[in-house]
Amino acid sequence: MLWCNLFKERWGIDNATFYAPVDSKSWKDVFIVQDRCDRVGLGLKIIMEGDDCFLVHQGQIQRHLGSREPESRTFDSFNNRGEESIDEEQPCSSILDKILFFVGDMETASLHAKRSRLL
């Protein structure tokens, strides 16, 4: 009932009637999807939520694209002769992951720029 009241307060009773949950969906699920629609739009988008990257369409998460490592890890390694080598950076993600997160960051930045122009 709380989520229903919050939905009605934010989007009105007409929208609450139109978007009323069906089947196994709850008012909380409907609220989250509608909020995401307001934040990112209806089209197909790559968004960042925290350290996670998602593919979103019409406010619904279509696919989890991955998580960003908070920091790169280093480790000591030994070469074939048993000698200690210099610290090497352990690959935490592929180049495609880095490109994906870059695109997600750019979409997020452009969304904020569009909002500031509208205000």
PDB file of N, CA and C in Angstrom:
ATOM      1  N   MET A   1       0.810  -1.194   0.000  1.00  0.00           N
ATOM      2  CA  MET A   1       0.000   0.000   0.000  1.00  0.00           C
ATOM      3  C   MET A   1       0.860   1.269   0.000  1.00  0.00           C
ATOM      4  N   LEU A   2       2.034   1.191   0.668  1.00  0.00           N
ATOM      5  CA  LEU A   2       2.943   2.335   0.719  1.00  0.00           C
ATOM      6  C   LEU A   2       3.389   2.736  -0.688  1.00  0.00           C
ATOM      7  N   TRP A   3       3.818   1.740  -1.494  1.00  0.00           N
ATOM      8  CA  TRP A   3       4.312   2.033  -2.834  1.00  0.00           C
ATOM      9  C   TRP A   3       3.203   2.548  -3.734  1.00  0.00           C
ATOM     10  N   CYS A   4       2.006   2.053  -3.541  1.00  0.00           N
ATOM     11  CA  CYS A   4       0.852   2.538  -4.308  1.00  0.00           C
ATOM     12  C   CYS A   4       0.604   4.014  -3.993  1.00  0.00           C
ATOM     13  N   ASN A   5       0.633   4.365  -2.727  1.00  0.00           N
ATOM     14  CA  ASN A   5       0.424   5.759  -2.323  1.00  0.00           C
ATOM     15  C   ASN A   5       1.542   6.668  -2.838  1.00  0.00           C
ATOM     16  N   LEU A   6       2.788   6.163  -2.783  1.00  0.00           N
ATOM     17  CA  LEU A   6       3.909   6.949  -3.308  1.00  0.00           C
ATOM     18  C   LEU A   6       3.773   7.160  -4.811  1.00  0.00           C
ATOM     19  N   PHE A   7       3.337   6.115  -5.511  1.00  0.00           N
ATOM     20  CA  PHE A   7       3.137   6.221  -6.960  1.00  0.00           C
ATOM     21  C   PHE A   7       2.069   7.259  -7.274  1.00  0.00           C
ATOM     22  N   LYS A   8       0.933   7.181  -6.571  1.00  0.00           N
ATOM     23  CA  LYS A   8      -0.158   8.134  -6.796  1.00  0.00           C
ATOM     24  C   LYS A   8       0.274   9.560  -6.502  1.00  0.00           C
ATOM     25  N   GLU A   9       1.065   9.728  -5.451  1.00  0.00           N
ATOM     26  CA  GLU A   9       1.527  11.065  -5.085  1.00  0.00           C
ATOM     27  C   GLU A   9       2.467  11.643  -6.138  1.00  0.00           C
ATOM     28  N   ARG A  10       3.311  10.800  -6.705  1.00  0.00           N
ATOM     29  CA  ARG A  10       4.304  11.294  -7.663  1.00  0.00           C
ATOM     30  C   ARG A  10       3.738  11.445  -9.081  1.00  0.00           C
ATOM     31  N   TRP A  11       2.928  10.456  -9.539  1.00  0.00           N
ATOM     32  CA  TRP A  11       2.484  10.475 -10.930  1.00  0.00           C
ATOM     33  C   TRP A  11       0.975  10.649 -11.098  1.00  0.00           C
ATOM     34  N   GLY A  12       0.241  10.696 -10.021  1.00  0.00           N
ATOM     35  CA  GLY A  12      -1.196  10.932 -10.103  1.00  0.00           C
ATOM     36  C   GLY A  12      -2.020   9.654 -10.168  1.00  0.00           C
ATOM     37  N   ILE A  13      -3.285   9.804  -9.867  1.00  0.00           N
ATOM     38  CA  ILE A  13      -4.186   8.649  -9.789  1.00  0.00           C
ATOM     39  C   ILE A  13      -4.482   8.045 -11.162  1.00  0.00           C
ATOM     40  N   ASP A  14      -4.518   8.891 -12.203  1.00  0.00           N
ATOM     41  CA  ASP A  14      -4.767   8.362 -13.550  1.00  0.00           C
ATOM     42  C   ASP A  14      -3.642   7.426 -14.004  1.00  0.00           C
ATOM     43  N   ASN A  15      -2.406   7.854 -13.790  1.00  0.00           N
ATOM     44  CA  ASN A  15      -1.271   6.993 -14.138  1.00  0.00           C
ATOM     45  C   ASN A  15      -1.229   5.750 -13.256  1.00  0.00           C
ATOM     46  N   ALA A  16      -1.609   5.885 -12.003  1.00  0.00           N
ATOM     47  CA  ALA A  16      -1.633   4.724 -11.111  1.00  0.00           C
ATOM     48  C   ALA A  16      -2.637   3.689 -11.601  1.00  0.00           C
ATOM     49  N   THR A  17      -3.768   4.153 -12.105  1.00  0.00           N
ATOM     50  CA  THR A  17      -4.767   3.237 -12.651  1.00  0.00           C
ATOM     51  C   THR A  17      -4.244   2.569 -13.917  1.00  0.00           C
ATOM     52  N   PHE A  18      -3.586   3.351 -14.769  1.00  0.00           N
ATOM     53  CA  PHE A  18      -3.065   2.825 -16.030  1.00  0.00           C
ATOM     54  C   PHE A  18      -1.927   1.825 -15.815  1.00  0.00           C
ATOM     55  N   TYR A  19      -0.993   2.154 -14.888  1.00  0.00           N
ATOM     56  CA  TYR A  19       0.190   1.318 -14.669  1.00  0.00           C
ATOM     57  C   TYR A  19       0.015   0.321 -13.521  1.00  0.00           C
ATOM     58  N   ALA A  20      -1.186   0.103 -13.064  1.00  0.00           N
ATOM     59  CA  ALA A  20      -1.430  -0.824 -11.944  1.00  0.00           C
ATOM     60  C   ALA A  20      -0.767  -2.173 -12.218  1.00  0.00           C
ATOM     61  N   PRO A  21      -0.127  -2.735 -11.205  1.00  0.00           N
ATOM     62  CA  PRO A  21       0.609  -3.989 -11.414  1.00  0.00           C
ATOM     63  C   PRO A  21      -0.313  -5.151 -11.791  1.00  0.00           C
ATOM     64  N   VAL A  22       0.209  -6.002 -12.665  1.00  0.00           N
ATOM     65  CA  VAL A  22      -0.513  -7.214 -13.063  1.00  0.00           C
ATOM     66  C   VAL A  22       0.361  -8.425 -12.737  1.00  0.00           C
ATOM     67  N   ASP A  23      -0.272  -9.559 -12.623  1.00  0.00           N
ATOM     68  CA  ASP A  23       0.399 -10.832 -12.340  1.00  0.00           C
ATOM     69  C   ASP A  23       1.209 -10.747 -11.048  1.00  0.00           C
ATOM     70  N   SER A  24       2.486 -11.055 -11.124  1.00  0.00           N
ATOM     71  CA  SER A  24       3.312 -11.141  -9.915  1.00  0.00           C
ATOM     72  C   SER A  24       4.038  -9.841  -9.583  1.00  0.00           C
ATOM     73  N   LYS A  25       3.809  -8.794 -10.351  1.00  0.00           N
ATOM     74  CA  LYS A  25       4.478  -7.513 -10.074  1.00  0.00           C
ATOM     75  C   LYS A  25       3.855  -6.833  -8.870  1.00  0.00           C
ATOM     76  N   SER A  26       4.699  -6.106  -8.157  1.00  0.00           N
ATOM     77  CA  SER A  26       4.230  -5.344  -7.001  1.00  0.00           C
ATOM     78  C   SER A  26       4.254  -3.850  -7.340  1.00  0.00           C
ATOM     79  N   TRP A  27       3.647  -3.063  -6.486  1.00  0.00           N
ATOM     80  CA  TRP A  27       3.680  -1.612  -6.678  1.00  0.00           C
ATOM     81  C   TRP A  27       5.111  -1.092  -6.612  1.00  0.00           C
ATOM     82  N   LYS A  28       5.935  -1.736  -5.803  1.00  0.00           N
ATOM     83  CA  LYS A  28       7.331  -1.324  -5.712  1.00  0.00           C
ATOM     84  C   LYS A  28       8.024  -1.509  -7.072  1.00  0.00           C
ATOM     85  N   ASP A  29       7.790  -2.649  -7.726  1.00  0.00           N
ATOM     86  CA  ASP A  29       8.374  -2.892  -9.046  1.00  0.00           C
ATOM     87  C   ASP A  29       7.901  -1.859 -10.062  1.00  0.00           C
ATOM     88  N   VAL A  30       6.614  -1.559 -10.050  1.00  0.00           N
ATOM     89  CA  VAL A  30       6.049  -0.575 -10.979  1.00  0.00           C
ATOM     90  C   VAL A  30       6.653   0.803 -10.713  1.00  0.00           C
ATOM     91  N   PHE A  31       6.806   1.174  -9.450  1.00  0.00           N
ATOM     92  CA  PHE A  31       7.390   2.454  -9.073  1.00  0.00           C
ATOM     93  C   PHE A  31       8.831   2.557  -9.576  1.00  0.00           C
ATOM     94  N   ILE A  32       9.616   1.497  -9.369  1.00  0.00           N
ATOM     95  CA  ILE A  32      11.030   1.508  -9.771  1.00  0.00           C
ATOM     96  C   ILE A  32      11.162   1.663 -11.282  1.00  0.00           C
ATOM     97  N   VAL A  33      10.346   0.935 -12.051  1.00  0.00           N
ATOM     98  CA  VAL A  33      10.400   1.021 -13.509  1.00  0.00           C
ATOM     99  C   VAL A  33      10.005   2.425 -13.971  1.00  0.00           C
ATOM    100  N   GLN A  34       8.939   2.974 -13.403  1.00  0.00           N
ATOM    101  CA  GLN A  34       8.497   4.315 -13.805  1.00  0.00           C
ATOM    102  C   GLN A  34       9.535   5.374 -13.431  1.00  0.00           C
ATOM    103  N   ASP A  35      10.155   5.220 -12.278  1.00  0.00           N
ATOM    104  CA  ASP A  35      11.205   6.152 -11.862  1.00  0.00           C
ATOM    105  C   ASP A  35      12.388   6.081 -12.826  1.00  0.00           C
ATOM    106  N   ARG A  36      12.770   4.867 -13.222  1.00  0.00           N
ATOM    107  CA  ARG A  36      13.875   4.707 -14.162  1.00  0.00           C
ATOM    108  C   ARG A  36      13.518   5.322 -15.518  1.00  0.00           C
ATOM    109  N   CYS A  37      12.256   5.201 -15.935  1.00  0.00           N
ATOM    110  CA  CYS A  37      11.810   5.844 -17.192  1.00  0.00           C
ATOM    111  C   CYS A  37      11.993   7.355 -17.111  1.00  0.00           C
ATOM    112  N   ASP A  38      11.644   7.924 -15.973  1.00  0.00           N
ATOM    113  CA  ASP A  38      11.795   9.370 -15.794  1.00  0.00           C
ATOM    114  C   ASP A  38      13.262   9.785 -15.812  1.00  0.00           C
ATOM    115  N   ARG A  39      14.116   8.957 -15.228  1.00  0.00           N
ATOM    116  CA  ARG A  39      15.536   9.306 -15.137  1.00  0.00           C
ATOM    117  C   ARG A  39      16.289   9.115 -16.440  1.00  0.00           C
ATOM    118  N   VAL A  40      16.041   8.016 -17.167  1.00  0.00           N
ATOM    119  CA  VAL A  40      16.855   7.704 -18.339  1.00  0.00           C
ATOM    120  C   VAL A  40      16.095   7.714 -19.658  1.00  0.00           C
ATOM    121  N   GLY A  41      14.784   7.784 -19.625  1.00  0.00           N
ATOM    122  CA  GLY A  41      14.007   7.809 -20.852  1.00  0.00           C
ATOM    123  C   GLY A  41      13.514   6.423 -21.244  1.00  0.00           C
ATOM    124  N   LEU A  42      12.819   6.384 -22.370  1.00  0.00           N
ATOM    125  CA  LEU A  42      12.179   5.140 -22.796  1.00  0.00           C
ATOM    126  C   LEU A  42      13.030   4.307 -23.743  1.00  0.00           C
ATOM    127  N   GLY A  43      13.968   4.906 -24.428  1.00  0.00           N
ATOM    128  CA  GLY A  43      14.744   4.192 -25.440  1.00  0.00           C
ATOM    129  C   GLY A  43      15.709   3.181 -24.848  1.00  0.00           C
ATOM    130  N   LEU A  44      16.421   2.513 -25.725  1.00  0.00           N
ATOM    131  CA  LEU A  44      17.432   1.538 -25.332  1.00  0.00           C
ATOM    132  C   LEU A  44      18.661   2.295 -24.853  1.00  0.00           C
ATOM    133  N   LYS A  45      19.045   2.085 -23.604  1.00  0.00           N
ATOM    134  CA  LYS A  45      20.147   2.837 -22.998  1.00  0.00           C
ATOM    135  C   LYS A  45      21.075   1.900 -22.252  1.00  0.00           C
ATOM    136  N   ILE A  46      22.318   2.317 -22.134  1.00  0.00           N
ATOM    137  CA  ILE A  46      23.272   1.689 -21.228  1.00  0.00           C
ATOM    138  C   ILE A  46      23.399   2.636 -20.057  1.00  0.00           C
ATOM    139  N   ILE A  47      23.100   2.141 -18.862  1.00  0.00           N
ATOM    140  CA  ILE A  47      23.149   3.011 -17.687  1.00  0.00           C
ATOM    141  C   ILE A  47      24.072   2.411 -16.631  1.00  0.00           C
ATOM    142  N   MET A  48      24.546   3.288 -15.775  1.00  0.00           N
ATOM    143  CA  MET A  48      25.343   2.882 -14.627  1.00  0.00           C
ATOM    144  C   MET A  48      24.509   3.109 -13.374  1.00  0.00           C
ATOM    145  N   GLU A  49      24.413   2.098 -12.550  1.00  0.00           N
ATOM    146  CA  GLU A  49      23.811   2.223 -11.230  1.00  0.00           C
ATOM    147  C   GLU A  49      24.821   1.673 -10.249  1.00  0.00           C
ATOM    148  N   GLY A  50      25.453   2.588  -9.519  1.00  0.00           N
ATOM    149  CA  GLY A  50      26.554   2.176  -8.658  1.00  0.00           C
ATOM    150  C   GLY A  50      27.725   1.753  -9.525  1.00  0.00           C
ATOM    151  N   ASP A  51      28.288   0.583  -9.244  1.00  0.00           N
ATOM    152  CA  ASP A  51      29.387   0.051 -10.036  1.00  0.00           C
ATOM    153  C   ASP A  51      28.903  -0.936 -11.089  1.00  0.00           C
ATOM    154  N   ASP A  52      27.593  -1.042 -11.263  1.00  0.00           N
ATOM    155  CA  ASP A  52      27.026  -1.988 -12.209  1.00  0.00           C
ATOM    156  C   ASP A  52      26.549  -1.280 -13.467  1.00  0.00           C
ATOM    157  N   CYS A  53      26.662  -1.977 -14.578  1.00  0.00           N
ATOM    158  CA  CYS A  53      26.242  -1.447 -15.867  1.00  0.00           C
ATOM    159  C   CYS A  53      25.085  -2.306 -16.380  1.00  0.00           C
ATOM    160  N   PHE A  54      24.011  -1.648 -16.846  1.00  0.00           N
ATOM    161  CA  PHE A  54      22.821  -2.354 -17.286  1.00  0.00           C
ATOM    162  C   PHE A  54      22.381  -1.862 -18.656  1.00  0.00           C
ATOM    163  N   LEU A  55      21.759  -2.755 -19.410  1.00  0.00           N
ATOM    164  CA  LEU A  55      21.075  -2.402 -20.633  1.00  0.00           C
ATOM    165  C   LEU A  55      19.607  -2.242 -20.267  1.00  0.00           C
ATOM    166  N   VAL A  56      19.036  -1.062 -20.534  1.00  0.00           N
ATOM    167  CA  VAL A  56      17.678  -0.740 -20.103  1.00  0.00           C
ATOM    168  C   VAL A  56      16.842  -0.340 -21.312  1.00  0.00           C
ATOM    169  N   HIS A  57      15.601  -0.828 -21.355  1.00  0.00           N
ATOM    170  CA  HIS A  57      14.651  -0.442 -22.393  1.00  0.00           C
ATOM    171  C   HIS A  57      13.298  -0.214 -21.738  1.00  0.00           C
ATOM    172  N   GLN A  58      12.729   0.951 -21.953  1.00  0.00           N
ATOM    173  CA  GLN A  58      11.451   1.357 -21.382  1.00  0.00           C
ATOM    174  C   GLN A  58      11.428   1.185 -19.858  1.00  0.00           C
ATOM    175  N   GLY A  59      12.535   1.554 -19.228  1.00  0.00           N
ATOM    176  CA  GLY A  59      12.619   1.534 -17.772  1.00  0.00           C
ATOM    177  C   GLY A  59      12.893   0.173 -17.166  1.00  0.00           C
ATOM    178  N   GLN A  60      12.880  -0.876 -17.976  1.00  0.00           N
ATOM    179  CA  GLN A  60      13.105  -2.219 -17.447  1.00  0.00           C
ATOM    180  C   GLN A  60      14.513  -2.675 -17.787  1.00  0.00           C
ATOM    181  N   ILE A  61      15.186  -3.241 -16.802  1.00  0.00           N
ATOM    182  CA  ILE A  61      16.526  -3.765 -17.020  1.00  0.00           C
ATOM    183  C   ILE A  61      16.409  -5.008 -17.890  1.00  0.00           C
ATOM    184  N   GLN A  62      17.063  -4.951 -19.043  1.00  0.00           N
ATOM    185  CA  GLN A  62      17.045  -6.078 -19.969  1.00  0.00           C
ATOM    186  C   GLN A  62      18.188  -7.051 -19.695  1.00  0.00           C
ATOM    187  N   ARG A  63      19.344  -6.481 -19.300  1.00  0.00           N
ATOM    188  CA  ARG A  63      20.502  -7.324 -19.078  1.00  0.00           C
ATOM    189  C   ARG A  63      21.520  -6.608 -18.197  1.00  0.00           C
ATOM    190  N   HIS A  64      22.124  -7.359 -17.291  1.00  0.00           N
ATOM    191  CA  HIS A  64      23.246  -6.865 -16.493  1.00  0.00           C
ATOM    192  C   HIS A  64      24.491  -7.037 -17.343  1.00  0.00           C
ATOM    193  N   LEU A  65      25.200  -5.949 -17.588  1.00  0.00           N
ATOM    194  CA  LEU A  65      26.344  -5.989 -18.494  1.00  0.00           C
ATOM    195  C   LEU A  65      27.667  -6.192 -17.785  1.00  0.00           C
ATOM    196  N   GLY A  66      27.672  -6.068 -16.474  1.00  0.00           N
ATOM    197  CA  GLY A  66      28.904  -6.293 -15.731  1.00  0.00           C
ATOM    198  C   GLY A  66      29.070  -5.297 -14.607  1.00  0.00           C
ATOM    199  N   SER A  67      30.113  -5.545 -13.834  1.00  0.00           N
ATOM    200  CA  SER A  67      30.437  -4.683 -12.701  1.00  0.00           C
ATOM    201  C   SER A  67      31.844  -4.153 -12.870  1.00  0.00           C
ATOM    202  N   ARG A  68      32.032  -2.960 -12.385  1.00  0.00           N
ATOM    203  CA  ARG A  68      33.344  -2.329 -12.444  1.00  0.00           C
ATOM    204  C   ARG A  68      34.099  -2.678 -11.160  1.00  0.00           C
ATOM    205  N   GLU A  69      35.355  -3.076 -11.326  1.00  0.00           N
ATOM    206  CA  GLU A  69      36.197  -3.331 -10.158  1.00  0.00           C
ATOM    207  C   GLU A  69      36.542  -1.992  -9.518  1.00  0.00           C
ATOM    208  N   PRO A  70      36.420  -1.858  -8.186  1.00  0.00           N
ATOM    209  CA  PRO A  70      36.715  -0.570  -7.559  1.00  0.00           C
ATOM    210  C   PRO A  70      38.163  -0.134  -7.706  1.00  0.00           C
ATOM    211  N   GLU A  71      39.084  -1.069  -7.793  1.00  0.00           N
ATOM    212  CA  GLU A  71      40.484  -0.719  -7.986  1.00  0.00           C
ATOM    213  C   GLU A  71      41.196  -1.899  -8.618  1.00  0.00           C
ATOM    214  N   SER A  72      42.267  -1.624  -9.350  1.00  0.00           N
ATOM    215  CA  SER A  72      43.008  -2.733  -9.962  1.00  0.00           C
ATOM    216  C   SER A  72      43.878  -3.395  -8.908  1.00  0.00           C
ATOM    217  N   ARG A  73      44.099  -4.676  -9.089  1.00  0.00           N
ATOM    218  CA  ARG A  73      44.892  -5.438  -8.128  1.00  0.00           C
ATOM    219  C   ARG A  73      46.276  -5.678  -8.703  1.00  0.00           C
ATOM    220  N   THR A  74      47.272  -5.689  -7.833  1.00  0.00           N
ATOM    221  CA  THR A  74      48.620  -6.039  -8.270  1.00  0.00           C
ATOM    222  C   THR A  74      49.050  -7.287  -7.530  1.00  0.00           C
ATOM    223  N   PHE A  75      49.966  -8.022  -8.144  1.00  0.00           N
ATOM    224  CA  PHE A  75      50.464  -9.229  -7.504  1.00  0.00           C
ATOM    225  C   PHE A  75      51.902  -9.448  -7.926  1.00  0.00           C
ATOM    226  N   ASP A  76      52.650 -10.128  -7.065  1.00  0.00           N
ATOM    227  CA  ASP A  76      54.027 -10.498  -7.387  1.00  0.00           C
ATOM    228  C   ASP A  76      53.993 -11.810  -8.147  1.00  0.00           C
ATOM    229  N   SER A  77      54.798 -11.914  -9.158  1.00  0.00           N
ATOM    230  CA  SER A  77      54.857 -13.158  -9.902  1.00  0.00           C
ATOM    231  C   SER A  77      56.306 -13.569 -10.097  1.00  0.00           C
ATOM    232  N   PHE A  78      56.489 -14.823 -10.379  1.00  0.00           N
ATOM    233  CA  PHE A  78      57.811 -15.369 -10.625  1.00  0.00           C
ATOM    234  C   PHE A  78      57.869 -15.821 -12.069  1.00  0.00           C
ATOM    235  N   ASN A  79      59.009 -15.562 -12.726  1.00  0.00           N
ATOM    236  CA  ASN A  79      59.139 -16.002 -14.112  1.00  0.00           C
ATOM    237  C   ASN A  79      59.517 -17.481 -14.160  1.00  0.00           C
ATOM    238  N   ASN A  80      59.747 -18.009 -15.355  1.00  0.00           N
ATOM    239  CA  ASN A  80      59.996 -19.439 -15.527  1.00  0.00           C
ATOM    240  C   ASN A  80      61.230 -19.927 -14.776  1.00  0.00           C
ATOM    241  N   ARG A  81      62.219 -19.070 -14.544  1.00  0.00           N
ATOM    242  CA  ARG A  81      63.454 -19.476 -13.873  1.00  0.00           C
ATOM    243  C   ARG A  81      63.361 -19.368 -12.358  1.00  0.00           C
ATOM    244  N   GLY A  82      62.198 -19.019 -11.845  1.00  0.00           N
ATOM    245  CA  GLY A  82      62.029 -18.906 -10.395  1.00  0.00           C
ATOM    246  C   GLY A  82      62.461 -17.567  -9.837  1.00  0.00           C
ATOM    247  N   GLU A  83      62.840 -16.641 -10.703  1.00  0.00           N
ATOM    248  CA  GLU A  83      63.249 -15.321 -10.245  1.00  0.00           C
ATOM    249  C   GLU A  83      62.030 -14.437 -10.096  1.00  0.00           C
ATOM    250  N   GLU A  84      62.096 -13.587  -9.088  1.00  0.00           N
ATOM    251  CA  GLU A  84      60.967 -12.682  -8.866  1.00  0.00           C
ATOM    252  C   GLU A  84      60.970 -11.596  -9.927  1.00  0.00           C
ATOM    253  N   SER A  85      59.832 -11.358 -10.533  1.00  0.00           N
ATOM    254  CA  SER A  85      59.715 -10.297 -11.534  1.00  0.00           C
ATOM    255  C   SER A  85      59.055  -9.080 -10.899  1.00  0.00           C
ATOM    256  N   ILE A  86      58.996  -8.013 -11.654  1.00  0.00           N
ATOM    257  CA  ILE A  86      58.378  -6.791 -11.138  1.00  0.00           C
ATOM    258  C   ILE A  86      56.876  -6.994 -10.985  1.00  0.00           C
ATOM    259  N   ASP A  87      56.254  -6.108 -10.192  1.00  0.00           N
ATOM    260  CA  ASP A  87      54.803  -6.178 -10.013  1.00  0.00           C
ATOM    261  C   ASP A  87      54.118  -6.017 -11.357  1.00  0.00           C
ATOM    262  N   GLU A  88      53.112  -6.841 -11.585  1.00  0.00           N
ATOM    263  CA  GLU A  88      52.326  -6.744 -12.803  1.00  0.00           C
ATOM    264  C   GLU A  88      50.892  -6.469 -12.423  1.00  0.00           C
ATOM    265  N   GLU A  89      50.214  -5.722 -13.260  1.00  0.00           N
ATOM    266  CA  GLU A  89      48.800  -5.455 -13.004  1.00  0.00           C
ATOM    267  C   GLU A  89      47.986  -6.630 -13.515  1.00  0.00           C
ATOM    268  N   GLN A  90      47.173  -7.196 -12.631  1.00  0.00           N
ATOM    269  CA  GLN A  90      46.318  -8.311 -13.024  1.00  0.00           C
ATOM    270  C   GLN A  90      45.178  -7.769 -13.867  1.00  0.00           C
ATOM    271  N   PRO A  91      44.939  -8.354 -15.029  1.00  0.00           N
ATOM    272  CA  PRO A  91      43.840  -7.839 -15.849  1.00  0.00           C
ATOM    273  C   PRO A  91      42.501  -8.122 -15.182  1.00  0.00           C
ATOM    274  N   CYS A  92      41.768  -7.066 -14.834  1.00  0.00           N
ATOM    275  CA  CYS A  92      40.489  -7.251 -14.152  1.00  0.00           C
ATOM    276  C   CYS A  92      39.331  -7.186 -15.135  1.00  0.00           C
ATOM    277  N   SER A  93      39.580  -6.690 -16.326  1.00  0.00           N
ATOM    278  CA  SER A  93      38.525  -6.674 -17.320  1.00  0.00           C
ATOM    279  C   SER A  93      39.147  -6.570 -18.703  1.00  0.00           C
ATOM    280  N   SER A  94      38.428  -7.006 -19.683  1.00  0.00           N
ATOM    281  CA  SER A  94      38.924  -6.945 -21.051  1.00  0.00           C
ATOM    282  C   SER A  94      38.730  -5.541 -21.618  1.00  0.00           C
ATOM    283  N   ILE A  95      39.275  -5.324 -22.786  1.00  0.00           N
ATOM    284  CA  ILE A  95      39.133  -4.023 -23.439  1.00  0.00           C
ATOM    285  C   ILE A  95      37.674  -3.738 -23.764  1.00  0.00           C
ATOM    286  N   LEU A  96      36.911  -4.778 -24.089  1.00  0.00           N
ATOM    287  CA  LEU A  96      35.491  -4.576 -24.374  1.00  0.00           C
ATOM    288  C   LEU A  96      34.742  -4.091 -23.138  1.00  0.00           C
ATOM    289  N   ASP A  97      35.092  -4.635 -21.968  1.00  0.00           N
ATOM    290  CA  ASP A  97      34.473  -4.174 -20.732  1.00  0.00           C
ATOM    291  C   ASP A  97      34.795  -2.706 -20.486  1.00  0.00           C
ATOM    292  N   LYS A  98      36.040  -2.318 -20.729  1.00  0.00           N
ATOM    293  CA  LYS A  98      36.436  -0.929 -20.518  1.00  0.00           C
ATOM    294  C   LYS A  98      35.675   0.004 -21.462  1.00  0.00           C
ATOM    295  N   ILE A  99      35.520  -0.418 -22.710  1.00  0.00           N
ATOM    296  CA  ILE A  99      34.759   0.382 -23.676  1.00  0.00           C
ATOM    297  C   ILE A  99      33.310   0.485 -23.245  1.00  0.00           C
ATOM    298  N   LEU A 100      32.745  -0.629 -22.791  1.00  0.00           N
ATOM    299  CA  LEU A 100      31.360  -0.649 -22.342  1.00  0.00           C
ATOM    300  C   LEU A 100      31.143   0.321 -21.188  1.00  0.00           C
ATOM    301  N   PHE A 101      32.026   0.298 -20.189  1.00  0.00           N
ATOM    302  CA  PHE A 101      31.879   1.212 -19.065  1.00  0.00           C
ATOM    303  C   PHE A 101      32.110   2.660 -19.487  1.00  0.00           C
ATOM    304  N   PHE A 102      32.986   2.880 -20.458  1.00  0.00           N
ATOM    305  CA  PHE A 102      33.183   4.230 -20.975  1.00  0.00           C
ATOM    306  C   PHE A 102      31.897   4.739 -21.616  1.00  0.00           C
ATOM    307  N   VAL A 103      31.245   3.903 -22.430  1.00  0.00           N
ATOM    308  CA  VAL A 103      29.984   4.294 -23.072  1.00  0.00           C
ATOM    309  C   VAL A 103      28.921   4.565 -22.009  1.00  0.00           C
ATOM    310  N   GLY A 104      28.851   3.714 -20.979  1.00  0.00           N
ATOM    311  CA  GLY A 104      27.895   3.943 -19.895  1.00  0.00           C
ATOM    312  C   GLY A 104      28.150   5.254 -19.178  1.00  0.00           C
ATOM    313  N   ASP A 105      29.422   5.555 -18.926  1.00  0.00           N
ATOM    314  CA  ASP A 105      29.761   6.830 -18.279  1.00  0.00           C
ATOM    315  C   ASP A 105      29.404   8.014 -19.172  1.00  0.00           C
ATOM    316  N   MET A 106      29.625   7.880 -20.475  1.00  0.00           N
ATOM    317  CA  MET A 106      29.297   8.966 -21.400  1.00  0.00           C
ATOM    318  C   MET A 106      27.786   9.184 -21.475  1.00  0.00           C
ATOM    319  N   GLU A 107      27.003   8.105 -21.484  1.00  0.00           N
ATOM    320  CA  GLU A 107      25.538   8.252 -21.501  1.00  0.00           C
ATOM    321  C   GLU A 107      25.065   8.949 -20.231  1.00  0.00           C
ATOM    322  N   THR A 108      25.649   8.567 -19.094  1.00  0.00           N
ATOM    323  CA  THR A 108      25.279   9.197 -17.829  1.00  0.00           C
ATOM    324  C   THR A 108      25.631  10.681 -17.847  1.00  0.00           C
ATOM    325  N   ALA A 109      26.832  11.018 -18.318  1.00  0.00           N
ATOM    326  CA  ALA A 109      27.256  12.420 -18.370  1.00  0.00           C
ATOM    327  C   ALA A 109      26.389  13.231 -19.332  1.00  0.00           C
ATOM    328  N   SER A 110      26.045  12.648 -20.480  1.00  0.00           N
ATOM    329  CA  SER A 110      25.236  13.395 -21.436  1.00  0.00           C
ATOM    330  C   SER A 110      23.821  13.600 -20.914  1.00  0.00           C
ATOM    331  N   LEU A 111      23.310  12.638 -20.147  1.00  0.00           N
ATOM    332  CA  LEU A 111      21.981  12.782 -19.555  1.00  0.00           C
ATOM    333  C   LEU A 111      21.964  13.955 -18.575  1.00  0.00           C
ATOM    334  N   HIS A 112      23.016  14.073 -17.759  1.00  0.00           N
ATOM    335  CA  HIS A 112      23.089  15.194 -16.815  1.00  0.00           C
ATOM    336  C   HIS A 112      23.220  16.520 -17.554  1.00  0.00           C
ATOM    337  N   ALA A 113      23.965  16.534 -18.656  1.00  0.00           N
ATOM    338  CA  ALA A 113      24.124  17.768 -19.442  1.00  0.00           C
ATOM    339  C   ALA A 113      22.792  18.173 -20.072  1.00  0.00           C
ATOM    340  N   LYS A 114      22.034  17.198 -20.573  1.00  0.00           N
ATOM    341  CA  LYS A 114      20.731  17.502 -21.166  1.00  0.00           C
ATOM    342  C   LYS A 114      19.769  18.055 -20.115  1.00  0.00           C
ATOM    343  N   ARG A 115      19.812  17.473 -18.909  1.00  0.00           N
ATOM    344  CA  ARG A 115      18.939  17.963 -17.837  1.00  0.00           C
ATOM    345  C   ARG A 115      19.262  19.395 -17.472  1.00  0.00           C
ATOM    346  N   SER A 116      20.551  19.732 -17.387  1.00  0.00           N
ATOM    347  CA  SER A 116      20.931  21.102 -16.990  1.00  0.00           C
ATOM    348  C   SER A 116      20.538  22.108 -18.062  1.00  0.00           C
ATOM    349  N   ARG A 117      20.555  21.722 -19.341  1.00  0.00           N
ATOM    350  CA  ARG A 117      20.123  22.624 -20.412  1.00  0.00           C
ATOM    351  C   ARG A 117      18.617  22.869 -20.347  1.00  0.00           C
ATOM    352  N   LEU A 118      17.868  21.840 -19.952  1.00  0.00           N
ATOM    353  CA  LEU A 118      16.408  21.989 -19.861  1.00  0.00           C
ATOM    354  C   LEU A 118      15.996  22.865 -18.698  1.00  0.00           C
ATOM    355  N   LEU A 119      16.794  22.882 -17.646  1.00  0.00           N
ATOM    356  CA  LEU A 119      16.466  23.708 -16.482  1.00  0.00           C
ATOM    357  C   LEU A 119      16.843  25.118 -16.763  1.00  0.00           C
TER     358      LEU A 119
END
